[in-house]
Amino acid sequence: MQAVSGPVEGELFVPETYLPGSRADFDRLYRASFVRVVRTLVGIVGSQQAAEDCAQEAFARAYRAWPRWQGAVPAEAWIHRIAINTAISYRRREQIRALPSLLKRLGAPRAGADPAERVETRALVLELRRLPPKLSAALVLRHYHGYTNREIAASLGVSERTVGQRISDAMALIRHRIGVDETS
């Protein structure tokens, strides 16, 4: 076991040694690290009560896995990893629980026409299919779904400027192919 410099100058900190599967050692680990684990989790879950609940769950999980702990990492680091994963799962569950109230606040989406119903002529559909996929994607997202350039850019992984250019190019190609005069 290697000693490292402790928090007070000249004081040496020797990591605790634990025997996997030993109930007495697990109890010692619990007493030595519970408060530090809770303090860590408060920053993740946002409340003392939730942090204590997550810490209890983490220690219960760790206790079940204690006979399989191999000591490759210090026991307190191991328990912290379990606790942090538990807190992350807790946050995910909280977000899912909050979803119904969020949906209730937002209300039901307004009824709108199905984008496929907005296509008025077969010729337009054929022209969309003839466009290069990148151009038709930008045009469909804009005119059939009503997305902004920013939303389209995020969806396609390009800049807003590129989106604008693609929409412009697509419109020019379609106008040219179906014989629409751009000056009128």
Protein backbone atom coordinates (compact mmCIF):
# COMPACT_ATOMS: atom_id res chain seq x y z
CA MET A 1 0.00 0.00 0.00
CA GLN A 2 1.37 3.39 -0.97
CA ALA A 3 1.03 6.40 1.33
CA VAL A 4 0.29 9.79 -0.20
CA SER A 5 0.47 13.29 1.20
CA GLY A 6 -2.56 14.09 3.34
CA PRO A 7 -4.65 17.26 3.64
CA VAL A 8 -2.42 18.65 6.41
CA GLU A 9 1.20 19.22 5.48
CA GLY A 10 3.37 16.43 6.75
CA GLU A 11 0.40 14.18 7.48
CA LEU A 12 0.24 10.99 5.45
CA PHE A 13 -3.01 9.61 4.10
CA VAL A 14 -3.15 5.85 3.84
CA PRO A 15 -6.10 4.54 1.82
CA GLU A 16 -8.35 2.18 3.74
CA THR A 17 -8.01 -1.52 3.02
CA TYR A 18 -11.12 -3.61 2.67
CA LEU A 19 -11.69 -7.30 2.18
CA PRO A 20 -14.29 -8.07 -0.52
CA GLY A 21 -17.28 -9.88 0.92
CA SER A 22 -16.47 -8.96 4.52
CA ARG A 23 -19.58 -7.56 6.19
CA ALA A 24 -17.50 -5.77 8.83
CA ASP A 25 -15.41 -4.09 6.13
CA PHE A 26 -18.53 -3.03 4.23
CA ASP A 27 -19.95 -1.53 7.42
CA ARG A 28 -16.69 0.36 7.89
CA LEU A 29 -16.81 1.58 4.28
CA TYR A 30 -20.41 2.72 4.80
CA ARG A 31 -19.56 4.68 7.96
CA ALA A 32 -16.44 6.22 6.39
CA SER A 33 -17.95 7.29 3.08
CA PHE A 34 -21.72 7.79 3.41
CA VAL A 35 -21.54 11.52 4.22
CA ARG A 36 -19.09 12.20 1.36
CA VAL A 37 -21.27 10.24 -1.07
CA VAL A 38 -24.37 12.21 -0.04
CA ARG A 39 -22.50 15.51 -0.47
CA THR A 40 -21.47 14.42 -3.96
CA LEU A 41 -25.01 13.44 -4.88
CA VAL A 42 -26.61 16.68 -3.65
CA GLY A 43 -24.83 18.41 -6.52
CA ILE A 44 -26.26 15.92 -9.00
CA VAL A 45 -29.85 15.49 -7.80
CA GLY A 46 -30.35 18.92 -6.24
CA SER A 47 -31.72 18.09 -2.79
CA GLN A 48 -30.48 16.56 0.43
CA GLN A 49 -33.42 14.15 0.67
CA ALA A 50 -33.02 12.86 -2.89
CA ALA A 51 -29.25 12.55 -2.36
CA GLU A 52 -29.76 10.49 0.79
CA ASP A 53 -32.27 8.25 -1.02
CA CYS A 54 -29.85 7.73 -3.90
CA ALA A 55 -26.98 7.06 -1.50
CA GLN A 56 -29.04 4.44 0.36
CA GLU A 57 -29.93 2.77 -2.93
CA ALA A 58 -26.31 2.90 -4.06
CA PHE A 59 -25.06 1.31 -0.85
CA ALA A 60 -27.72 -1.41 -1.14
CA ARG A 61 -26.53 -2.15 -4.68
CA ALA A 62 -22.92 -2.07 -3.55
CA TYR A 63 -23.65 -4.44 -0.68
CA ARG A 64 -25.14 -6.97 -3.10
CA ALA A 65 -22.04 -6.64 -5.32
CA TRP A 66 -19.54 -6.47 -2.42
CA PRO A 67 -18.42 -10.13 -2.72
CA ARG A 68 -17.54 -9.47 -6.39
CA TRP A 69 -15.58 -6.24 -5.76
CA GLN A 70 -12.00 -7.03 -6.70
CA GLY A 71 -10.14 -4.06 -5.28
CA ALA A 72 -8.83 -2.84 -8.65
CA VAL A 73 -10.11 0.61 -7.64
CA PRO A 74 -10.32 1.93 -4.08
CA ALA A 75 -13.55 0.92 -2.37
CA GLU A 76 -14.69 4.51 -1.85
CA ALA A 77 -14.14 5.32 -5.54
CA TRP A 78 -16.11 2.19 -6.41
CA ILE A 79 -19.01 3.20 -4.17
CA HIS A 80 -18.92 6.74 -5.61
CA ARG A 81 -19.22 5.35 -9.13
CA ILE A 82 -22.24 3.27 -8.12
CA ALA A 83 -23.77 6.27 -6.35
CA ILE A 84 -23.25 8.61 -9.29
CA ASN A 85 -24.82 6.10 -11.68
CA THR A 86 -27.74 5.77 -9.26
CA ALA A 87 -28.15 9.55 -9.16
CA ILE A 88 -28.08 9.77 -12.94
CA SER A 89 -30.81 7.12 -13.14
CA TYR A 90 -32.79 9.05 -10.52
CA ARG A 91 -32.57 12.23 -12.62
CA ARG A 92 -33.76 10.37 -15.71
CA ARG A 93 -36.73 8.94 -13.81
CA GLU A 94 -37.57 12.42 -12.49
CA GLN A 95 -37.55 13.83 -16.01
CA ILE A 96 -39.89 11.08 -17.15
CA ARG A 97 -42.20 11.68 -14.16
CA ALA A 98 -42.29 15.41 -14.98
CA LEU A 99 -43.28 14.78 -18.59
CA PRO A 100 -47.06 14.38 -18.02
CA SER A 101 -47.30 17.67 -16.14
CA LEU A 102 -45.26 19.38 -18.85
CA LEU A 103 -47.55 17.99 -21.54
CA LYS A 104 -50.57 19.08 -19.51
CA ARG A 105 -49.18 22.62 -19.24
CA LEU A 106 -48.44 22.77 -22.96
CA GLY A 107 -51.86 21.43 -23.89
CA ALA A 108 -52.84 19.28 -26.82
CA PRO A 109 -51.17 20.07 -30.12
CA ARG A 110 -53.32 22.01 -32.53
CA ALA A 111 -54.92 20.01 -35.24
CA GLY A 112 -53.33 20.62 -38.56
CA ALA A 113 -53.40 19.15 -41.98
CA ASP A 114 -51.27 16.11 -42.57
CA PRO A 115 -48.21 17.31 -44.52
CA ALA A 116 -48.83 14.62 -47.13
CA GLU A 117 -52.28 16.12 -47.78
CA ARG A 118 -50.73 19.49 -48.55
CA VAL A 119 -49.27 18.20 -51.79
CA GLU A 120 -51.75 19.38 -54.36
CA THR A 121 -50.49 17.94 -57.60
CA ARG A 122 -48.79 14.81 -58.74
CA ALA A 123 -46.39 16.89 -60.84
CA LEU A 124 -45.01 18.60 -57.76
CA VAL A 125 -44.38 15.25 -56.08
CA LEU A 126 -42.58 14.00 -59.16
CA GLU A 127 -40.45 17.16 -59.22
CA LEU A 128 -39.55 16.74 -55.57
CA ARG A 129 -38.39 13.21 -56.30
CA ARG A 130 -36.25 14.45 -59.18
CA LEU A 131 -34.40 16.91 -56.95
CA PRO A 132 -31.14 15.89 -55.30
CA PRO A 133 -32.02 14.49 -51.85
CA LYS A 134 -30.36 17.33 -49.94
CA LEU A 135 -32.39 19.93 -51.83
CA SER A 136 -35.69 18.08 -51.55
CA ALA A 137 -35.14 17.49 -47.82
CA ALA A 138 -34.66 21.21 -47.18
CA LEU A 139 -37.68 22.11 -49.31
CA VAL A 140 -39.98 19.54 -47.71
CA LEU A 141 -38.93 20.52 -44.18
CA ARG A 142 -39.61 24.18 -44.96
CA HIS A 143 -42.78 24.11 -47.03
CA TYR A 144 -44.55 20.95 -45.90
CA HIS A 145 -43.56 20.94 -42.25
CA GLY A 146 -43.09 24.68 -41.72
CA TYR A 147 -39.70 24.48 -40.02
CA THR A 148 -37.47 27.54 -39.80
CA ASN A 149 -34.01 27.62 -41.32
CA ARG A 150 -32.54 27.19 -37.85
CA GLU A 151 -34.65 24.06 -37.21
CA ILE A 152 -33.81 22.66 -40.63
CA ALA A 153 -30.11 23.37 -40.09
CA ALA A 154 -30.20 21.48 -36.81
CA SER A 155 -32.03 18.56 -38.42
CA LEU A 156 -29.67 18.31 -41.38
CA GLY A 157 -26.46 19.20 -39.55
CA VAL A 158 -25.61 22.16 -41.81
CA SER A 159 -25.54 25.93 -41.43
CA GLU A 160 -28.61 28.12 -41.79
CA ARG A 161 -26.96 29.73 -44.79
CA THR A 162 -26.64 26.31 -46.47
CA VAL A 163 -30.32 25.65 -45.77
CA GLY A 164 -31.29 28.93 -47.41
CA GLN A 165 -29.16 28.13 -50.43
CA ARG A 166 -30.61 24.63 -50.76
CA ILE A 167 -34.19 25.93 -50.60
CA SER A 168 -33.39 28.60 -53.17
CA ASP A 169 -31.69 26.11 -55.50
CA ALA A 170 -34.58 23.63 -55.14
CA MET A 171 -37.19 26.27 -55.94
CA ALA A 172 -35.22 27.48 -58.97
CA LEU A 173 -34.90 23.92 -60.32
CA ILE A 174 -38.58 23.18 -59.87
CA ARG A 175 -39.63 26.48 -61.44
CA HIS A 176 -37.37 25.83 -64.40
CA ARG A 177 -38.61 22.25 -64.87
CA ILE A 178 -42.32 23.07 -64.70
CA GLY A 179 -41.93 26.25 -66.71
CA VAL A 180 -42.90 28.86 -64.14
CA ASP A 181 -41.70 32.36 -64.98
CA GLU A 182 -39.75 33.66 -61.96
CA THR A 183 -40.46 37.31 -62.82
CA SER A 184 -44.22 37.02 -62.41
